C-alpha atoms as a PDB file:
ATOM      1  CA  MET A   1      26.636  -6.594   7.101  1.00  0.00           C
ATOM      2  CA  THR A   2      22.906  -5.996   6.767  1.00  0.00           C
ATOM      3  CA  ILE A   3      21.762  -4.756   3.384  1.00  0.00           C
ATOM      4  CA  ASP A   4      18.397  -3.066   3.465  1.00  0.00           C
ATOM      5  CA  ARG A   5      17.425  -3.588  -0.154  1.00  0.00           C
ATOM      6  CA  HIS A   6      13.651  -3.455   0.415  1.00  0.00           C
ATOM      7  CA  TYR A   7      13.677   0.307   0.367  1.00  0.00           C
ATOM      8  CA  LEU A   8      15.444   0.282  -3.055  1.00  0.00           C
ATOM      9  CA  HIS A   9      12.650  -1.833  -4.495  1.00  0.00           C
ATOM     10  CA  GLN A  10       9.358  -0.254  -3.392  1.00  0.00           C
ATOM     11  CA  GLN A  11       7.677  -1.415  -6.586  1.00  0.00           C
ATOM     12  CA  ILE A  12       8.005  -5.092  -5.406  1.00  0.00           C
ATOM     13  CA  SER A  13       6.213  -4.216  -2.169  1.00  0.00           C
ATOM     14  CA  ASN A  14       3.471  -2.186  -3.920  1.00  0.00           C
ATOM     15  CA  GLY A  15       4.209   0.628  -1.443  1.00  0.00           C
ATOM     16  CA  GLN A  16       3.190  -1.591   1.544  1.00  0.00           C
ATOM     17  CA  ILE A  17       4.563  -0.541   4.923  1.00  0.00           C
ATOM     18  CA  HIS A  18       5.799  -3.540   6.878  1.00  0.00           C
ATOM     19  CA  ASN A  19       8.160  -4.690   9.480  1.00  0.00           C
ATOM     20  CA  PRO A  20      10.902  -6.426   7.454  1.00  0.00           C
ATOM     21  CA  VAL A  21      12.268  -9.831   8.409  1.00  0.00           C
ATOM     22  CA  ARG A  22      15.965 -10.681   8.358  1.00  0.00           C
ATOM     23  CA  LEU A  23      16.853 -13.304   5.788  1.00  0.00           C
ATOM     24  CA  HIS A  24      20.188 -14.906   6.844  1.00  0.00           C
ATOM     25  CA  LEU A  25      21.843 -16.745   3.962  1.00  0.00           C
ATOM     26  CA  LYS A  26      24.852 -19.095   4.241  1.00  0.00           C
ATOM     27  CA  LYS A  27      26.539 -20.522   1.207  1.00  0.00           C
ATOM     28  CA  ILE A  28      26.730 -24.301   1.598  1.00  0.00           C
ATOM     29  CA  PHE A  29      29.964 -25.787   2.879  1.00  0.00           C
ATOM     30  CA  THR A  30      31.489 -22.287   3.560  1.00  0.00           C
ATOM     31  CA  THR A  31      31.462 -19.557   6.209  1.00  0.00           C
ATOM     32  CA  ASN A  32      30.175 -16.931   3.724  1.00  0.00           C
ATOM     33  CA  THR A  33      27.003 -15.385   5.120  1.00  0.00           C
ATOM     34  CA  LYS A  34      24.878 -12.444   4.265  1.00  0.00           C
ATOM     35  CA  ILE A  35      21.725 -10.799   5.855  1.00  0.00           C
ATOM     36  CA  TYR A  36      18.991  -9.207   3.762  1.00  0.00           C
ATOM     37  CA  LEU A  37      15.926  -7.361   4.985  1.00  0.00           C
ATOM     38  CA  VAL A  38      12.831  -8.614   3.142  1.00  0.00           C
ATOM     39  CA  ASN A  39       9.090  -8.044   3.069  1.00  0.00           C
ATOM     40  CA  PRO A  40       7.193 -10.856   4.867  1.00  0.00           C
ATOM     41  CA  ASP A  41       4.283 -10.296   2.480  1.00  0.00           C
ATOM     42  CA  TRP A  42       6.303 -11.320  -0.549  1.00  0.00           C
ATOM     43  CA  THR A  43       5.789 -14.678  -2.113  1.00  0.00           C
ATOM     44  CA  MET A  44       8.795 -16.999  -2.353  1.00  0.00           C
ATOM     45  CA  LYS A  45       9.054 -16.157  -6.013  1.00  0.00           C
ATOM     46  CA  GLN A  46       9.119 -12.433  -5.189  1.00  0.00           C
ATOM     47  CA  LEU A  47      11.793 -13.150  -2.597  1.00  0.00           C
ATOM     48  CA  THR A  48      14.092 -15.137  -4.965  1.00  0.00           C
ATOM     49  CA  ASP A  49      13.566 -12.631  -7.770  1.00  0.00           C
ATOM     50  CA  PHE A  50      14.564  -9.792  -5.320  1.00  0.00           C
ATOM     51  CA  ILE A  51      17.759 -11.437  -4.110  1.00  0.00           C
ATOM     52  CA  ALA A  52      18.823 -12.989  -7.438  1.00  0.00           C
ATOM     53  CA  PRO A  53      20.867  -9.934  -8.587  1.00  0.00           C
ATOM     54  CA  TYR A  54      22.773 -10.007  -5.322  1.00  0.00           C
ATOM     55  CA  ILE A  55      23.559 -13.742  -5.292  1.00  0.00           C
ATOM     56  CA  ILE A  56      26.284 -13.501  -7.934  1.00  0.00           C
ATOM     57  CA  PRO A  57      28.342 -10.800  -6.193  1.00  0.00           C
ATOM     58  CA  ASP A  58      27.591 -11.983  -2.667  1.00  0.00           C
ATOM     59  CA  PHE A  59      28.009 -15.791  -3.153  1.00  0.00           C
ATOM     60  CA  GLY A  60      29.441 -16.303  -6.666  1.00  0.00           C
ATOM     61  CA  LEU A  61      26.460 -18.298  -7.802  1.00  0.00           C
ATOM     62  CA  GLU A  62      24.704 -17.640 -11.145  1.00  0.00           C
ATOM     63  CA  GLU A  63      21.735 -20.041 -10.333  1.00  0.00           C
ATOM     64  CA  PHE A  64      20.713 -20.811  -6.808  1.00  0.00           C
ATOM     65  CA  GLU A  65      18.285 -22.606  -4.457  1.00  0.00           C
ATOM     66  CA  LEU A  66      17.289 -21.832  -0.872  1.00  0.00           C
ATOM     67  CA  VAL A  67      17.340 -24.588   1.738  1.00  0.00           C
ATOM     68  CA  ASN A  68      16.019 -24.187   5.197  1.00  0.00           C
ATOM     69  CA  ILE A  69      18.739 -24.608   7.801  1.00  0.00           C
ATOM     70  CA  GLY A  70      17.950 -27.073  10.525  1.00  0.00           C
ATOM     71  CA  GLN A  71      16.797 -29.973   8.488  1.00  0.00           C
ATOM     72  CA  ASP A  72      18.272 -33.495   9.010  1.00  0.00           C
ATOM     73  CA  GLU A  73      19.885 -33.518   5.633  1.00  0.00           C
ATOM     74  CA  ALA A  74      21.418 -30.077   6.198  1.00  0.00           C
ATOM     75  CA  GLU A  75      22.947 -28.598   2.896  1.00  0.00           C
ATOM     76  CA  TYR A  76      21.621 -31.648   0.942  1.00  0.00           C
ATOM     77  CA  ALA A  77      17.943 -31.150   2.049  1.00  0.00           C
ATOM     78  CA  GLN A  78      15.117 -30.422  -0.317  1.00  0.00           C
ATOM     79  CA  HIS A  79      15.121 -26.791  -1.623  1.00  0.00           C
ATOM     80  CA  ILE A  80      12.339 -24.323  -0.957  1.00  0.00           C
ATOM     81  CA  TYR A  81       9.896 -24.158  -3.838  1.00  0.00           C
ATOM     82  CA  ARG A  82       9.652 -20.720  -5.480  1.00  0.00           C
ATOM     83  CA  SER A  83       5.922 -20.471  -5.105  1.00  0.00           C
ATOM     84  CA  THR A  84       3.877 -17.561  -6.488  1.00  0.00           C
ATOM     85  CA  THR A  85       1.178 -18.023  -3.902  1.00  0.00           C
ATOM     86  CA  ASN A  86       2.968 -18.938  -0.557  1.00  0.00           C
ATOM     87  CA  LYS A  87       4.088 -15.871   1.304  1.00  0.00           C
ATOM     88  CA  ILE A  88       7.071 -15.665   3.502  1.00  0.00           C
ATOM     89  CA  SER A  89       4.791 -14.941   6.445  1.00  0.00           C
ATOM     90  CA  ASP A  90       2.773 -18.154   5.684  1.00  0.00           C
ATOM     91  CA  LEU A  91       5.844 -20.322   5.631  1.00  0.00           C
ATOM     92  CA  TYR A  92       7.546 -18.572   8.639  1.00  0.00           C
ATOM     93  CA  PRO A  93       4.600 -17.189  10.731  1.00  0.00           C
ATOM     94  CA  GLY A  94       5.784 -14.672  13.306  1.00  0.00           C
ATOM     95  CA  GLU A  95       9.446 -15.121  12.548  1.00  0.00           C
ATOM     96  CA  ASN A  96      11.734 -12.042  12.511  1.00  0.00           C
ATOM     97  CA  ASP A  97      14.753 -14.060  11.386  1.00  0.00           C
ATOM     98  CA  ILE A  98      14.778 -16.723   8.654  1.00  0.00           C
ATOM     99  CA  TYR A  99      17.836 -18.891   8.157  1.00  0.00           C
ATOM    100  CA  CYS A 100      18.636 -20.640   4.844  1.00  0.00           C
ATOM    101  CA  TYR A 101      21.406 -22.202   2.944  1.00  0.00           C
ATOM    102  CA  VAL A 102      22.032 -20.913  -0.534  1.00  0.00           C
ATOM    103  CA  ARG A 103      23.403 -23.411  -3.074  1.00  0.00           C
END
């Protein structure tokens, strides 16, 4: 199920119009997955702040880290730093779909 939460939080996007990207999250060592539409101009901190309220009901995690899917270490790989300067579009240029583990 795709949850378009960007339009519920216009203040995070400062009213910017954008083509959202799909953030596919998979809880480590499970088949539990969710998809969120997010603003590619958000920083990683804005992204994690935005999804934080949904992580508890969607994945049962009170604290969480995001890990890029496709790394050699898989679920054990280094988490993505919650930068206040690096935008999603900088880390994933031209991507319409981003895939991460949540742990």
